[in-house]
N, C-alpha and C. Protein backbone atom coordinates (compact mmCIF):
# COMPACT_ATOMS: atom_id res chain seq x y z
N MET A 1 0.56 -0.64 -0.21
CA MET A 1 -0.11 0.03 0.27
C MET A 1 0.88 1.20 0.10
N GLY A 2 0.28 2.06 -0.82
CA GLY A 2 1.13 3.63 -0.84
C GLY A 2 0.74 4.74 0.16
N ARG A 3 1.22 5.50 0.12
CA ARG A 3 0.73 6.49 1.18
C ARG A 3 -0.68 7.27 0.67
N VAL A 4 -1.19 7.95 1.18
CA VAL A 4 -2.70 8.77 0.80
C VAL A 4 -1.97 9.87 0.60
N LYS A 5 -2.92 10.49 -0.39
CA LYS A 5 -2.37 11.75 -1.34
C LYS A 5 -4.08 12.80 -0.55
N THR A 6 -3.34 13.76 0.40
CA THR A 6 -4.48 14.46 0.36
C THR A 6 -5.21 15.15 -0.69
N LYS A 7 -6.23 15.90 -0.21
CA LYS A 7 -7.41 16.64 -1.18
C LYS A 7 -6.63 17.79 -1.82
N LEU A 8 -5.27 18.51 -0.78
CA LEU A 8 -4.90 19.54 -1.52
C LEU A 8 -4.11 19.25 -2.77
N ILE A 9 -3.44 17.83 -2.44
CA ILE A 9 -2.33 17.46 -3.47
C ILE A 9 -3.13 16.94 -4.65
N LYS A 10 -4.04 16.68 -4.36
CA LYS A 10 -4.79 15.99 -5.81
C LYS A 10 -5.52 17.20 -6.56
N ARG A 11 -6.15 18.24 -5.62
CA ARG A 11 -6.80 19.28 -6.63
C ARG A 11 -5.51 20.29 -6.94
N ILE A 12 -4.70 20.70 -6.40
CA ILE A 12 -3.73 21.08 -6.99
C ILE A 12 -3.24 20.27 -8.50
N THR A 13 -2.57 19.13 -8.41
CA THR A 13 -1.80 18.06 -9.19
C THR A 13 -2.94 18.26 -10.46
N HIS A 14 -4.11 17.77 -10.05
CA HIS A 14 -5.25 17.42 -11.42
C HIS A 14 -5.28 19.03 -11.94
N LYS A 15 -5.17 20.08 -11.35
CA LYS A 15 -5.48 21.40 -11.67
C LYS A 15 -4.26 21.89 -12.70
N LEU A 16 -3.00 21.52 -12.45
CA LEU A 16 -1.39 21.53 -12.97
C LEU A 16 -1.54 20.83 -14.59
N VAL A 17 -1.91 19.53 -14.14
CA VAL A 17 -1.96 18.52 -15.08
C VAL A 17 -3.12 18.84 -16.34
N ARG A 18 -4.08 19.60 -15.69
CA ARG A 18 -5.80 19.94 -16.82
C ARG A 18 -4.71 21.29 -17.59
N ASP A 19 -4.21 21.95 -16.81
CA ASP A 19 -3.70 23.39 -17.77
C ASP A 19 -2.37 23.12 -18.36
N HIS A 20 -1.21 22.60 -17.95
CA HIS A 20 -0.12 21.72 -18.64
C HIS A 20 0.27 20.58 -19.06
N ALA A 21 -1.13 20.19 -19.42
CA ALA A 21 -0.32 18.62 -19.58
C ALA A 21 0.63 18.43 -20.81
N GLN A 22 0.74 19.16 -21.84
CA GLN A 22 1.55 18.76 -22.91
C GLN A 22 3.24 19.15 -22.38
N ASN A 23 3.31 19.86 -21.33
CA ASN A 23 4.68 19.93 -21.10
C ASN A 23 5.17 19.23 -19.88
N PHE A 24 4.29 18.20 -19.41
CA PHE A 24 5.02 17.57 -18.20
C PHE A 24 5.51 16.10 -19.07
N LYS A 25 6.67 15.31 -17.97
CA LYS A 25 6.90 14.18 -18.78
C LYS A 25 6.44 13.32 -17.66
N THR A 26 7.04 12.02 -18.06
CA THR A 26 7.40 10.92 -17.50
C THR A 26 8.30 10.89 -16.22
N ASN A 27 9.33 11.75 -16.72
CA ASN A 27 10.48 12.08 -15.53
C ASN A 27 10.10 12.80 -14.38
N PHE A 28 10.52 12.23 -13.28
CA PHE A 28 10.17 13.21 -11.98
C PHE A 28 10.84 14.45 -11.89
N GLU A 29 12.69 14.53 -12.14
CA GLU A 29 13.29 15.50 -11.91
C GLU A 29 12.66 16.81 -13.11
N GLU A 30 12.41 16.17 -14.39
CA GLU A 30 11.67 17.61 -15.31
C GLU A 30 10.51 18.09 -14.33
N ASN A 31 9.50 17.06 -13.84
CA ASN A 31 8.51 17.35 -13.48
C ASN A 31 8.80 18.47 -12.42
N LYS A 32 9.15 18.24 -11.50
CA LYS A 32 9.45 18.69 -10.45
C LYS A 32 10.47 20.44 -10.69
N GLU A 33 11.03 20.77 -11.65
CA GLU A 33 11.05 21.65 -12.15
C GLU A 33 9.90 22.42 -12.76
N LEU A 34 8.91 21.56 -13.52
CA LEU A 34 8.31 22.68 -13.95
C LEU A 34 6.59 22.78 -12.80
N VAL A 35 6.58 22.18 -12.25
CA VAL A 35 6.02 22.12 -10.68
C VAL A 35 6.46 23.61 -10.38
N GLN A 36 8.07 23.51 -9.98
CA GLN A 36 8.38 24.81 -9.50
C GLN A 36 8.08 26.25 -10.00
N LYS A 37 8.25 25.82 -11.59
CA LYS A 37 7.92 26.66 -12.58
C LYS A 37 6.31 27.69 -12.63
N TYR A 38 5.14 26.71 -12.35
CA TYR A 38 4.04 27.04 -12.79
C TYR A 38 3.57 27.13 -11.41
N ALA A 39 3.92 26.78 -10.09
CA ALA A 39 3.05 27.30 -8.81
C ALA A 39 4.18 27.42 -7.99
N ASP A 40 4.11 28.14 -6.81
CA ASP A 40 4.99 28.52 -5.90
C ASP A 40 4.89 28.04 -4.64
N PHE A 41 5.07 26.97 -4.15
CA PHE A 41 5.29 26.59 -3.18
C PHE A 41 6.02 26.78 -2.20
N PRO A 42 5.96 26.81 -0.87
CA PRO A 42 6.94 27.48 0.63
C PRO A 42 7.46 26.28 0.85
N SER A 43 7.28 24.79 0.62
CA SER A 43 7.91 23.93 1.05
C SER A 43 8.35 22.78 -0.22
N LYS A 44 9.75 22.13 -0.16
CA LYS A 44 10.21 21.33 -1.08
C LYS A 44 9.45 20.15 -1.07
N LYS A 45 9.35 19.73 0.32
CA LYS A 45 8.16 18.30 0.24
C LYS A 45 6.72 18.01 -0.27
N VAL A 46 6.21 19.42 -0.34
CA VAL A 46 4.86 19.43 -0.92
C VAL A 46 5.17 19.80 -2.73
N ARG A 47 6.14 20.25 -3.13
CA ARG A 47 6.62 20.51 -4.44
C ARG A 47 6.79 18.94 -4.88
N ASN A 48 7.48 18.39 -3.88
CA ASN A 48 8.02 16.85 -4.34
C ASN A 48 6.58 16.04 -4.73
N VAL A 49 6.15 16.02 -3.88
CA VAL A 49 5.08 15.04 -3.77
C VAL A 49 3.96 15.49 -4.37
N ILE A 50 3.88 16.74 -4.86
CA ILE A 50 2.79 17.35 -6.35
C ILE A 50 3.59 16.34 -7.69
N ALA A 51 5.31 16.66 -7.78
CA ALA A 51 5.70 16.46 -8.68
C ALA A 51 5.71 14.96 -8.87
N GLY A 52 5.85 14.15 -8.13
CA GLY A 52 5.61 12.45 -8.07
C GLY A 52 4.04 11.95 -8.54
N TYR A 53 3.10 12.76 -8.07
CA TYR A 53 1.77 12.76 -8.36
C TYR A 53 1.97 12.76 -9.58
N VAL A 54 2.29 14.11 -10.59
CA VAL A 54 2.04 14.23 -11.77
C VAL A 54 2.73 13.35 -12.44
N THR A 55 4.03 12.90 -12.57
CA THR A 55 4.97 11.93 -13.28
C THR A 55 3.85 10.18 -12.82
N ARG A 56 3.16 9.97 -11.81
CA ARG A 56 2.37 8.96 -12.03
C ARG A 56 1.20 8.98 -12.94
N LEU A 57 0.80 10.38 -12.90
CA LEU A 57 -0.28 10.32 -13.45
C LEU A 57 0.04 10.63 -15.04
N MET A 58 1.01 11.04 -15.72
CA MET A 58 1.38 11.20 -16.95
C MET A 58 1.78 9.50 -17.27
N LYS A 59 2.51 8.87 -16.42
CA LYS A 59 3.01 7.42 -16.70
C LYS A 59 1.65 6.83 -16.96
N THR A 60 0.66 6.90 -16.58
CA THR A 60 -1.04 6.25 -16.69
C THR A 60 -1.17 6.86 -18.03
N ARG A 61 -1.39 7.91 -18.21
CA ARG A 61 -1.88 8.31 -19.72
C ARG A 61 -1.34 7.84 -20.31
N GLU A 62 0.19 7.46 -20.48
CA GLU A 62 1.08 6.92 -21.02
C GLU A 62 0.44 5.81 -21.76
N GLU A 63 -0.01 4.89 -20.69
CA GLU A 63 -0.28 3.67 -20.96
C GLU A 63 -1.29 3.43 -21.79
N ILE A 64 -2.17 4.18 -22.03
CA ILE A 64 -3.66 4.46 -22.25
C ILE A 64 -3.46 4.65 -23.71
């Protein structure tokens, strides 16, 4: 079992993917920089959790 994502993380991630889906990749490091560019977060932990979730969503979209 993985960690449970909070509503805040899911809401922000889905909004970023909806607005900038063409820019995100399946690479965590690239997504981390893009999340920093598109949204300003006070903590690195939140940024990294969002970037990880974006990466997971993009990998899922790639499989379809």
